Amino acid sequence: MNMNKCREIARNVELFHGLTVEDVAKILKHGMTIHVQKGETIFYRDTTGSQMYVVLGGKVGIHDGKDFIAYLTTGDMFGEMALIDSGSRSATVIAVEDSYLFVLSETTFHRLMTKRVSVQILLNMMRTLSHRLREANTKLKKVVHHQV
């Protein structure tokens, strides 16, 4: 992957914020990029996994059983909890349109990361998870308020 593409990914992908273009190029070189077709399931809820994904192009839908949770598009990440804990997947992810995904395995994550890079990536993951938790809390408050 050329440095201009790496620069664009570093700028647009939340997971890579705060990293140098060289750091991002190294990560992308050792990860894997996959193409998933519209309607293809990337992973199922309650399964275990050791990879996280970044949407490089396209759109995926997050589903919790029968309920739709969110759409994720270019720059968004999902499955990151698999790199943090050993729990099962909390949702099913399906490609809503043909998509390109960057896949980062737990093994590659641990092997590639210097202390500085891994701390920055973990901070970026925590920022994303915190944002998602705040959104969920807001939705929960609305539901509880509606029931009272």
Protein backbone atom coordinates (compact mmCIF):
# COMPACT_ATOMS: atom_id res chain seq x y z
CA MET A 1 0.00 0.00 0.00
CA ASN A 2 1.44 3.38 -0.95
CA MET A 3 2.17 6.11 1.60
CA ASN A 4 -0.58 8.43 0.31
CA LYS A 5 -3.18 5.72 0.96
CA CYS A 6 -1.66 5.06 4.40
CA ARG A 7 -1.78 8.80 5.14
CA GLU A 8 -5.47 8.90 4.16
CA ILE A 9 -6.25 5.88 6.35
CA ALA A 10 -4.28 7.34 9.28
CA ARG A 11 -6.34 10.53 8.98
CA ASN A 12 -9.76 8.89 8.54
CA VAL A 13 -9.64 5.82 10.78
CA GLU A 14 -10.27 6.50 14.45
CA LEU A 15 -8.24 3.47 15.51
CA PHE A 16 -5.10 5.05 14.04
CA HIS A 17 -5.48 8.62 15.35
CA GLY A 18 -2.29 9.86 16.95
CA LEU A 19 -0.06 7.39 15.09
CA THR A 20 2.51 8.26 12.46
CA VAL A 21 1.95 7.33 8.85
CA GLU A 22 4.89 4.92 9.21
CA ASP A 23 3.20 3.21 12.18
CA VAL A 24 -0.02 2.85 10.19
CA ALA A 25 1.86 1.52 7.14
CA LYS A 26 3.54 -1.14 9.31
CA ILE A 27 0.21 -2.20 10.84
CA LEU A 28 -1.51 -2.35 7.44
CA LYS A 29 1.39 -4.32 5.97
CA HIS A 30 1.03 -7.06 8.59
CA GLY A 31 -2.76 -7.12 8.78
CA MET A 32 -5.10 -8.43 6.13
CA THR A 33 -7.60 -6.67 3.88
CA ILE A 34 -10.70 -8.61 2.87
CA HIS A 35 -13.62 -7.98 0.55
CA VAL A 36 -17.08 -8.98 1.79
CA GLN A 37 -20.14 -8.98 -0.40
CA LYS A 38 -23.46 -7.40 0.42
CA GLY A 39 -25.41 -9.73 2.72
CA GLU A 40 -22.35 -11.66 3.88
CA THR A 41 -22.08 -12.27 7.62
CA ILE A 42 -18.70 -11.24 9.03
CA PHE A 43 -19.28 -12.83 12.42
CA TYR A 44 -22.16 -14.03 14.57
CA ARG A 45 -23.22 -13.02 18.04
CA ASP A 46 -22.10 -15.39 20.85
CA THR A 47 -19.18 -16.76 18.83
CA THR A 48 -15.59 -16.24 19.92
CA GLY A 49 -13.07 -14.38 17.86
CA SER A 50 -9.60 -12.96 18.01
CA GLN A 51 -9.82 -10.35 15.26
CA MET A 52 -11.04 -6.80 15.03
CA TYR A 53 -12.08 -5.03 11.86
CA VAL A 54 -11.87 -1.56 10.36
CA VAL A 55 -14.19 -0.52 7.53
CA LEU A 56 -11.96 0.79 4.74
CA GLY A 57 -14.87 1.13 2.33
CA GLY A 58 -18.53 0.17 2.34
CA LYS A 59 -21.07 -0.30 5.09
CA VAL A 60 -21.86 -2.96 7.68
CA GLY A 61 -24.83 -3.43 9.98
CA ILE A 62 -24.61 -4.44 13.63
CA HIS A 63 -27.44 -6.64 14.90
CA ASP A 64 -28.25 -7.96 18.36
CA GLY A 65 -30.46 -10.93 17.67
CA LYS A 66 -33.45 -9.45 15.83
CA ASP A 67 -32.72 -5.84 16.79
CA PHE A 68 -30.70 -3.50 14.60
CA ILE A 69 -28.06 -1.56 16.57
CA ALA A 70 -26.08 0.58 14.13
CA TYR A 71 -24.50 1.04 10.74
CA LEU A 72 -20.73 1.43 10.49
CA THR A 73 -19.00 3.01 7.51
CA THR A 74 -15.52 3.96 6.32
CA GLY A 75 -13.21 4.61 9.26
CA ASP A 76 -15.32 2.79 11.84
CA MET A 77 -14.05 -0.23 13.75
CA PHE A 78 -15.83 -3.23 15.24
CA GLY A 79 -14.94 -6.44 17.00
CA GLU A 80 -12.32 -4.62 19.06
CA MET A 81 -13.51 -6.21 22.29
CA ALA A 82 -12.02 -9.49 21.00
CA LEU A 83 -8.57 -7.93 21.38
CA ILE A 84 -9.35 -6.68 24.88
CA ASP A 85 -11.05 -9.69 26.47
CA SER A 86 -11.80 -13.28 25.62
CA GLY A 87 -15.57 -12.92 25.74
CA SER A 88 -17.93 -13.92 22.99
CA ARG A 89 -19.09 -11.52 20.28
CA SER A 90 -21.86 -9.22 21.52
CA ALA A 91 -23.54 -8.81 18.13
CA THR A 92 -23.78 -10.14 14.60
CA VAL A 93 -22.19 -8.06 11.83
CA ILE A 94 -23.46 -8.24 8.25
CA ALA A 95 -22.23 -6.37 5.17
CA VAL A 96 -24.99 -3.98 4.09
CA GLU A 97 -23.11 -3.28 0.87
CA ASP A 98 -19.96 -4.65 -0.73
CA SER A 99 -17.22 -3.65 1.70
CA TYR A 100 -13.48 -3.70 2.22
CA LEU A 101 -12.32 -4.47 5.74
CA PHE A 102 -8.95 -4.37 7.40
CA VAL A 103 -8.60 -7.34 9.76
CA LEU A 104 -6.22 -7.17 12.71
CA SER A 105 -5.70 -10.40 14.63
CA GLU A 106 -4.82 -10.53 18.30
CA THR A 107 -1.55 -12.26 17.44
CA THR A 108 -0.53 -9.58 14.95
CA PHE A 109 -1.65 -6.86 17.34
CA HIS A 110 0.62 -8.15 20.10
CA ARG A 111 3.55 -8.95 17.81
CA LEU A 112 3.61 -5.63 15.96
CA MET A 113 2.92 -3.12 18.62
CA THR A 114 5.59 -1.11 20.31
CA LYS A 115 4.59 0.21 23.71
CA ARG A 116 3.86 3.67 22.29
CA VAL A 117 1.74 2.36 19.40
CA SER A 118 -0.18 -0.17 21.50
CA VAL A 119 -0.98 2.42 24.17
CA GLN A 120 -2.27 4.85 21.51
CA ILE A 121 -4.39 2.17 19.84
CA LEU A 122 -5.82 1.06 23.19
CA LEU A 123 -6.65 4.69 24.02
CA ASN A 124 -8.39 5.01 20.66
CA MET A 125 -10.36 1.82 21.34
CA MET A 126 -11.32 3.06 24.80
CA ARG A 127 -12.46 6.38 23.30
CA THR A 128 -14.67 4.55 20.81
CA LEU A 129 -16.08 2.19 23.44
CA SER A 130 -16.73 5.12 25.79
CA HIS A 131 -18.57 7.00 23.04
CA ARG A 132 -20.69 3.92 22.27
CA LEU A 133 -21.47 3.43 25.97
CA ARG A 134 -22.58 7.06 26.29
CA GLU A 135 -24.88 6.61 23.28
CA ALA A 136 -26.33 3.42 24.79
CA ASN A 137 -26.88 5.17 28.13
CA THR A 138 -28.71 8.02 26.41
CA LYS A 139 -30.95 5.56 24.56
CA LEU A 140 -31.57 3.64 27.77
CA LYS A 141 -32.55 6.83 29.63
CA LYS A 142 -35.07 7.63 26.90
CA VAL A 143 -36.61 4.16 27.14
CA VAL A 144 -36.78 4.26 30.95
CA HIS A 145 -38.17 7.81 30.90
CA HIS A 146 -40.80 6.71 28.39
CA GLN A 147 -41.88 3.80 30.62
CA VAL A 148 -42.31 5.97 33.74
